[in-house]
Amino acid sequence: MDHKSSTTQSLYDRIGGETVVKQLVSKFYDRIMKDPELVPFFKNSSMEKLRHMQTEYFRAALDGPLTYAGLSLAKAHQGRGITARHFNLFAQHVLAALKELGVNTEDIDAVIARINLLAGEVTGGPAASD
């Protein structure tokens, strides 16, 4: 799939909209559940609920339909012991899934930049650097 980049389209639309966001969430959670460093964070979680909330979150974060109704990122991740290393592993799984889905490099970079802006909310520290 070769997604065209355009300054007139939202990032959500440029990467392929709802179809690609749902595939992205599915693919990166499949990867995370095989990652020995990350899987413990999801041990007692409803994966169905997480996939749903993550899909809503990505819609909103990428300028798509604003339907995210979950906890703030800081509240949802508070006290879980998530470090910058864990966050970077998560981002690498998102990166790999985007590449697998055929999203172009410019748009992948834009998605990762948005994710990195949120690192501090997830880890309780400063935002990740590029």
N, C-alpha and C. Protein backbone atom coordinates (compact mmCIF):
# COMPACT_ATOMS: atom_id res chain seq x y z
N MET A 1 0.83 -1.16 0.00
CA MET A 1 0.00 0.00 0.00
C MET A 1 0.88 1.24 0.00
N ASP A 2 0.77 2.09 -0.95
CA ASP A 2 1.55 3.32 -0.98
C ASP A 2 0.61 4.48 -0.71
N HIS A 3 0.74 5.07 0.48
CA HIS A 3 -0.13 6.15 0.87
C HIS A 3 0.52 7.47 0.49
N LYS A 4 -0.18 8.31 -0.24
CA LYS A 4 0.33 9.60 -0.66
C LYS A 4 0.27 10.58 0.49
N SER A 5 1.28 11.42 0.60
CA SER A 5 1.30 12.45 1.62
C SER A 5 0.81 13.75 1.02
N SER A 6 0.06 14.48 1.80
CA SER A 6 -0.46 15.75 1.33
C SER A 6 -0.65 16.67 2.52
N THR A 7 -0.31 17.94 2.35
CA THR A 7 -0.48 18.88 3.44
C THR A 7 -1.94 19.23 3.65
N THR A 8 -2.82 18.91 2.70
CA THR A 8 -4.23 19.23 2.85
C THR A 8 -5.01 18.12 3.55
N GLN A 9 -4.45 16.96 3.68
CA GLN A 9 -5.11 15.85 4.37
C GLN A 9 -4.56 15.73 5.79
N SER A 10 -5.40 15.23 6.69
CA SER A 10 -4.92 14.97 8.05
C SER A 10 -3.95 13.78 8.00
N LEU A 11 -3.15 13.67 9.02
CA LEU A 11 -2.23 12.53 9.11
C LEU A 11 -3.03 11.23 9.15
N TYR A 12 -4.14 11.24 9.83
CA TYR A 12 -5.05 10.09 9.88
C TYR A 12 -5.44 9.64 8.47
N ASP A 13 -5.86 10.59 7.64
CA ASP A 13 -6.26 10.26 6.26
C ASP A 13 -5.06 9.85 5.42
N ARG A 14 -3.93 10.52 5.62
CA ARG A 14 -2.75 10.21 4.81
C ARG A 14 -2.27 8.77 5.02
N ILE A 15 -2.37 8.26 6.26
CA ILE A 15 -1.87 6.90 6.48
C ILE A 15 -2.88 5.84 6.06
N GLY A 16 -4.11 6.24 5.78
CA GLY A 16 -5.11 5.28 5.33
C GLY A 16 -6.37 5.22 6.16
N GLY A 17 -6.53 6.17 7.10
CA GLY A 17 -7.77 6.27 7.86
C GLY A 17 -8.04 5.10 8.78
N GLU A 18 -9.32 4.85 8.99
CA GLU A 18 -9.77 3.85 9.95
C GLU A 18 -9.20 2.46 9.67
N THR A 19 -9.18 2.07 8.43
CA THR A 19 -8.69 0.73 8.07
C THR A 19 -7.25 0.54 8.54
N VAL A 20 -6.39 1.49 8.25
CA VAL A 20 -4.98 1.36 8.61
C VAL A 20 -4.79 1.53 10.11
N VAL A 21 -5.53 2.42 10.74
CA VAL A 21 -5.39 2.58 12.19
C VAL A 21 -5.75 1.27 12.91
N LYS A 22 -6.83 0.63 12.50
CA LYS A 22 -7.20 -0.65 13.12
C LYS A 22 -6.13 -1.72 12.86
N GLN A 23 -5.60 -1.77 11.65
CA GLN A 23 -4.53 -2.72 11.34
C GLN A 23 -3.27 -2.41 12.14
N LEU A 24 -2.96 -1.12 12.27
CA LEU A 24 -1.79 -0.70 13.05
C LEU A 24 -1.91 -1.17 14.49
N VAL A 25 -3.05 -0.92 15.11
CA VAL A 25 -3.25 -1.33 16.50
C VAL A 25 -3.12 -2.84 16.64
N SER A 26 -3.72 -3.57 15.73
CA SER A 26 -3.66 -5.03 15.78
C SER A 26 -2.22 -5.52 15.64
N LYS A 27 -1.50 -4.99 14.65
CA LYS A 27 -0.14 -5.44 14.39
C LYS A 27 0.83 -5.08 15.52
N PHE A 28 0.71 -3.86 16.07
CA PHE A 28 1.69 -3.54 17.10
C PHE A 28 1.37 -4.25 18.40
N TYR A 29 0.11 -4.49 18.72
CA TYR A 29 -0.18 -5.29 19.92
C TYR A 29 0.26 -6.74 19.73
N ASP A 30 0.12 -7.27 18.52
CA ASP A 30 0.65 -8.62 18.26
C ASP A 30 2.15 -8.66 18.54
N ARG A 31 2.87 -7.62 18.15
CA ARG A 31 4.31 -7.54 18.39
C ARG A 31 4.62 -7.38 19.88
N ILE A 32 3.87 -6.50 20.53
CA ILE A 32 4.10 -6.24 21.95
C ILE A 32 3.88 -7.50 22.78
N MET A 33 2.88 -8.28 22.43
CA MET A 33 2.57 -9.49 23.21
C MET A 33 3.65 -10.56 23.03
N LYS A 34 4.57 -10.37 22.11
CA LYS A 34 5.70 -11.28 21.92
C LYS A 34 7.00 -10.68 22.49
N ASP A 35 6.92 -9.45 23.02
CA ASP A 35 8.10 -8.76 23.52
C ASP A 35 8.22 -9.04 25.03
N PRO A 36 9.26 -9.78 25.43
CA PRO A 36 9.38 -10.17 26.84
C PRO A 36 9.50 -8.98 27.81
N GLU A 37 9.96 -7.83 27.32
CA GLU A 37 10.08 -6.66 28.19
C GLU A 37 8.75 -5.92 28.36
N LEU A 38 7.86 -6.04 27.38
CA LEU A 38 6.61 -5.29 27.42
C LEU A 38 5.40 -6.12 27.84
N VAL A 39 5.40 -7.40 27.54
CA VAL A 39 4.23 -8.22 27.81
C VAL A 39 3.81 -8.21 29.29
N PRO A 40 4.73 -8.11 30.26
CA PRO A 40 4.28 -8.07 31.66
C PRO A 40 3.34 -6.90 31.99
N PHE A 41 3.46 -5.80 31.26
CA PHE A 41 2.60 -4.65 31.50
C PHE A 41 1.14 -4.94 31.14
N PHE A 42 0.92 -5.96 30.34
CA PHE A 42 -0.41 -6.25 29.84
C PHE A 42 -1.00 -7.54 30.41
N LYS A 43 -0.29 -8.12 31.37
CA LYS A 43 -0.66 -9.41 31.95
C LYS A 43 -2.10 -9.48 32.43
N ASN A 44 -2.56 -8.46 33.14
CA ASN A 44 -3.91 -8.48 33.70
C ASN A 44 -4.85 -7.53 32.98
N SER A 45 -4.59 -7.28 31.71
CA SER A 45 -5.39 -6.33 30.93
C SER A 45 -6.32 -7.03 29.96
N SER A 46 -7.43 -6.41 29.71
CA SER A 46 -8.33 -6.88 28.66
C SER A 46 -7.78 -6.37 27.33
N MET A 47 -7.26 -7.27 26.52
CA MET A 47 -6.68 -6.86 25.24
C MET A 47 -7.75 -6.28 24.32
N GLU A 48 -8.96 -6.79 24.41
CA GLU A 48 -10.04 -6.24 23.58
C GLU A 48 -10.28 -4.77 23.93
N LYS A 49 -10.33 -4.48 25.22
CA LYS A 49 -10.52 -3.10 25.66
C LYS A 49 -9.33 -2.23 25.27
N LEU A 50 -8.11 -2.74 25.48
CA LEU A 50 -6.92 -1.97 25.12
C LEU A 50 -6.88 -1.66 23.62
N ARG A 51 -7.19 -2.64 22.80
CA ARG A 51 -7.19 -2.41 21.35
C ARG A 51 -8.23 -1.35 20.97
N HIS A 52 -9.39 -1.42 21.60
CA HIS A 52 -10.44 -0.44 21.32
C HIS A 52 -9.99 0.97 21.73
N MET A 53 -9.47 1.08 22.96
CA MET A 53 -9.03 2.39 23.45
C MET A 53 -7.86 2.92 22.63
N GLN A 54 -6.94 2.05 22.24
CA GLN A 54 -5.79 2.49 21.45
C GLN A 54 -6.24 2.96 20.06
N THR A 55 -7.23 2.28 19.49
CA THR A 55 -7.77 2.72 18.20
C THR A 55 -8.37 4.10 18.34
N GLU A 56 -9.16 4.32 19.39
CA GLU A 56 -9.75 5.64 19.62
C GLU A 56 -8.65 6.69 19.82
N TYR A 57 -7.64 6.32 20.59
CA TYR A 57 -6.56 7.26 20.86
C TYR A 57 -5.84 7.65 19.56
N PHE A 58 -5.50 6.66 18.73
CA PHE A 58 -4.80 6.97 17.48
C PHE A 58 -5.66 7.82 16.55
N ARG A 59 -6.96 7.56 16.51
CA ARG A 59 -7.84 8.42 15.70
C ARG A 59 -7.65 9.88 16.10
N ALA A 60 -7.75 10.13 17.39
CA ALA A 60 -7.66 11.50 17.89
C ALA A 60 -6.25 12.07 17.70
N ALA A 61 -5.23 11.30 18.03
CA ALA A 61 -3.85 11.78 17.96
C ALA A 61 -3.40 12.10 16.54
N LEU A 62 -4.00 11.45 15.56
CA LEU A 62 -3.60 11.65 14.16
C LEU A 62 -4.57 12.54 13.40
N ASP A 63 -5.36 13.29 14.14
CA ASP A 63 -6.32 14.26 13.56
C ASP A 63 -7.48 13.61 12.84
N GLY A 64 -7.86 12.42 13.29
CA GLY A 64 -9.05 11.77 12.74
C GLY A 64 -10.24 12.09 13.62
N PRO A 65 -11.26 11.25 13.57
CA PRO A 65 -12.45 11.47 14.41
C PRO A 65 -12.08 11.46 15.89
N LEU A 66 -12.56 12.45 16.61
CA LEU A 66 -12.22 12.60 18.02
C LEU A 66 -13.22 11.85 18.89
N THR A 67 -12.92 10.58 19.13
CA THR A 67 -13.82 9.77 19.93
C THR A 67 -13.16 9.22 21.19
N TYR A 68 -11.92 9.60 21.47
CA TYR A 68 -11.20 9.05 22.62
C TYR A 68 -11.88 9.49 23.91
N ALA A 69 -12.29 8.51 24.70
CA ALA A 69 -13.00 8.80 25.95
C ALA A 69 -12.30 8.15 27.14
N GLY A 70 -11.08 7.70 26.95
CA GLY A 70 -10.36 7.01 28.01
C GLY A 70 -9.74 7.97 29.01
N LEU A 71 -9.07 7.40 29.99
CA LEU A 71 -8.34 8.18 30.97
C LEU A 71 -7.24 8.98 30.28
N SER A 72 -6.79 10.04 30.93
CA SER A 72 -5.62 10.74 30.39
C SER A 72 -4.46 9.74 30.37
N LEU A 73 -3.53 9.96 29.48
CA LEU A 73 -2.38 9.06 29.39
C LEU A 73 -1.62 9.01 30.72
N ALA A 74 -1.44 10.15 31.35
CA ALA A 74 -0.72 10.18 32.62
C ALA A 74 -1.44 9.33 33.67
N LYS A 75 -2.74 9.47 33.76
CA LYS A 75 -3.51 8.73 34.76
C LYS A 75 -3.51 7.22 34.44
N ALA A 76 -3.69 6.88 33.18
CA ALA A 76 -3.76 5.47 32.79
C ALA A 76 -2.44 4.73 33.02
N HIS A 77 -1.31 5.45 32.97
CA HIS A 77 0.00 4.80 33.08
C HIS A 77 0.70 5.06 34.41
N GLN A 78 0.09 5.86 35.27
CA GLN A 78 0.67 6.23 36.55
C GLN A 78 0.97 5.00 37.41
N GLY A 79 2.17 4.98 37.96
CA GLY A 79 2.55 3.93 38.90
C GLY A 79 2.81 2.57 38.29
N ARG A 80 2.91 2.48 37.00
CA ARG A 80 3.12 1.19 36.35
C ARG A 80 4.60 0.85 36.12
N GLY A 81 5.46 1.79 36.42
CA GLY A 81 6.89 1.53 36.27
C GLY A 81 7.37 1.56 34.82
N ILE A 82 6.67 2.28 33.98
CA ILE A 82 7.05 2.36 32.57
C ILE A 82 8.20 3.36 32.44
N THR A 83 9.31 2.89 31.89
CA THR A 83 10.50 3.72 31.73
C THR A 83 10.61 4.22 30.29
N ALA A 84 11.56 5.11 30.07
CA ALA A 84 11.81 5.60 28.71
C ALA A 84 12.17 4.43 27.79
N ARG A 85 12.91 3.45 28.31
CA ARG A 85 13.25 2.27 27.50
C ARG A 85 11.99 1.54 27.06
N HIS A 86 11.05 1.33 27.97
CA HIS A 86 9.80 0.65 27.62
C HIS A 86 9.03 1.46 26.57
N PHE A 87 8.98 2.77 26.77
CA PHE A 87 8.27 3.63 25.82
C PHE A 87 8.92 3.53 24.44
N ASN A 88 10.25 3.54 24.40
CA ASN A 88 10.94 3.45 23.11
C ASN A 88 10.72 2.10 22.44
N LEU A 89 10.65 1.03 23.21
CA LEU A 89 10.33 -0.28 22.64
C LEU A 89 8.93 -0.27 22.02
N PHE A 90 7.99 0.32 22.75
CA PHE A 90 6.62 0.46 22.24
C PHE A 90 6.63 1.22 20.91
N ALA A 91 7.33 2.36 20.89
CA ALA A 91 7.40 3.17 19.66
C ALA A 91 8.03 2.40 18.51
N GLN A 92 9.04 1.56 18.81
CA GLN A 92 9.66 0.75 17.76
C GLN A 92 8.68 -0.26 17.17
N HIS A 93 7.80 -0.79 18.01
CA HIS A 93 6.78 -1.72 17.50
C HIS A 93 5.77 -0.97 16.62
N VAL A 94 5.42 0.25 17.01
CA VAL A 94 4.54 1.07 16.17
C VAL A 94 5.22 1.34 14.84
N LEU A 95 6.48 1.71 14.87
CA LEU A 95 7.27 1.98 13.67
C LEU A 95 7.29 0.77 12.74
N ALA A 96 7.58 -0.39 13.29
CA ALA A 96 7.63 -1.61 12.47
C ALA A 96 6.27 -1.93 11.86
N ALA A 97 5.20 -1.74 12.62
CA ALA A 97 3.86 -2.01 12.11
C ALA A 97 3.50 -1.04 10.98
N LEU A 98 3.86 0.23 11.14
CA LEU A 98 3.60 1.22 10.08
C LEU A 98 4.34 0.87 8.81
N LYS A 99 5.60 0.44 8.95
CA LYS A 99 6.37 0.03 7.77
C LYS A 99 5.73 -1.18 7.10
N GLU A 100 5.32 -2.14 7.91
CA GLU A 100 4.68 -3.34 7.38
C GLU A 100 3.39 -3.00 6.61
N LEU A 101 2.70 -1.96 7.06
CA LEU A 101 1.46 -1.54 6.41
C LEU A 101 1.70 -0.68 5.17
N GLY A 102 2.95 -0.36 4.88
CA GLY A 102 3.26 0.38 3.67
C GLY A 102 3.09 1.88 3.79
N VAL A 103 3.04 2.40 5.01
CA VAL A 103 2.93 3.84 5.20
C VAL A 103 4.27 4.47 4.80
N ASN A 104 4.21 5.60 4.10
CA ASN A 104 5.44 6.21 3.61
C ASN A 104 6.27 6.81 4.75
N THR A 105 7.55 6.98 4.50
CA THR A 105 8.52 7.40 5.50
C THR A 105 8.16 8.74 6.13
N GLU A 106 7.74 9.69 5.33
CA GLU A 106 7.38 11.02 5.85
C GLU A 106 6.23 10.91 6.87
N ASP A 107 5.24 10.12 6.56
CA ASP A 107 4.10 9.97 7.47
C ASP A 107 4.46 9.12 8.69
N ILE A 108 5.31 8.12 8.51
CA ILE A 108 5.79 7.35 9.66
C ILE A 108 6.52 8.28 10.62
N ASP A 109 7.40 9.12 10.09
CA ASP A 109 8.13 10.07 10.93
C ASP A 109 7.16 10.98 11.70
N ALA A 110 6.09 11.41 11.03
CA ALA A 110 5.10 12.29 11.68
C ALA A 110 4.37 11.56 12.80
N VAL A 111 4.02 10.29 12.58
CA VAL A 111 3.34 9.50 13.62
C VAL A 111 4.28 9.33 14.81
N ILE A 112 5.51 8.94 14.56
CA ILE A 112 6.47 8.72 15.65
C ILE A 112 6.74 10.03 16.40
N ALA A 113 6.81 11.14 15.69
CA ALA A 113 7.01 12.44 16.36
C ALA A 113 5.86 12.73 17.32
N ARG A 114 4.65 12.43 16.91
CA ARG A 114 3.50 12.65 17.79
C ARG A 114 3.54 11.72 18.99
N ILE A 115 3.93 10.49 18.78
CA ILE A 115 4.03 9.54 19.89
C ILE A 115 5.10 10.02 20.87
N ASN A 116 6.23 10.47 20.36
CA ASN A 116 7.33 10.93 21.22
C ASN A 116 6.93 12.12 22.08
N LEU A 117 6.02 12.96 21.59
CA LEU A 117 5.56 14.10 22.38
C LEU A 117 4.85 13.65 23.65
N LEU A 118 4.34 12.44 23.65
CA LEU A 118 3.56 11.93 24.77
C LEU A 118 4.36 11.07 25.74
N ALA A 119 5.62 10.90 25.48
CA ALA A 119 6.45 10.02 26.32
C ALA A 119 6.39 10.40 27.79
N GLY A 120 6.47 11.68 28.08
CA GLY A 120 6.46 12.12 29.47
C GLY A 120 5.18 11.76 30.20
N GLU A 121 4.06 11.80 29.49
CA GLU A 121 2.79 11.43 30.12
C GLU A 121 2.74 9.95 30.45
N VAL A 122 3.38 9.13 29.63
CA VAL A 122 3.37 7.68 29.83
C VAL A 122 4.40 7.27 30.88
N THR A 123 5.57 7.89 30.87
CA THR A 123 6.64 7.50 31.77
C THR A 123 6.71 8.32 33.05
N GLY A 124 5.99 9.44 33.06
CA GLY A 124 6.08 10.33 34.21
C GLY A 124 7.31 11.22 34.18
N GLY A 125 7.98 11.25 33.02
CA GLY A 125 9.20 12.06 32.86
C GLY A 125 9.08 12.98 31.67
N PRO A 126 10.19 13.51 31.18
CA PRO A 126 10.19 14.40 30.01
C PRO A 126 9.87 13.63 28.73
N ALA A 127 9.45 14.37 27.70
CA ALA A 127 9.15 13.75 26.41
C ALA A 127 10.40 13.12 25.83
N ALA A 128 10.19 12.07 25.04
CA ALA A 128 11.31 11.38 24.39
C ALA A 128 11.89 12.29 23.32
N SER A 129 13.16 12.10 23.04
CA SER A 129 13.79 12.87 21.95
C SER A 129 13.89 12.00 20.73
N ASP A 130 14.02 12.66 19.59
CA ASP A 130 14.09 11.91 18.31
C ASP A 130 15.38 11.17 18.18
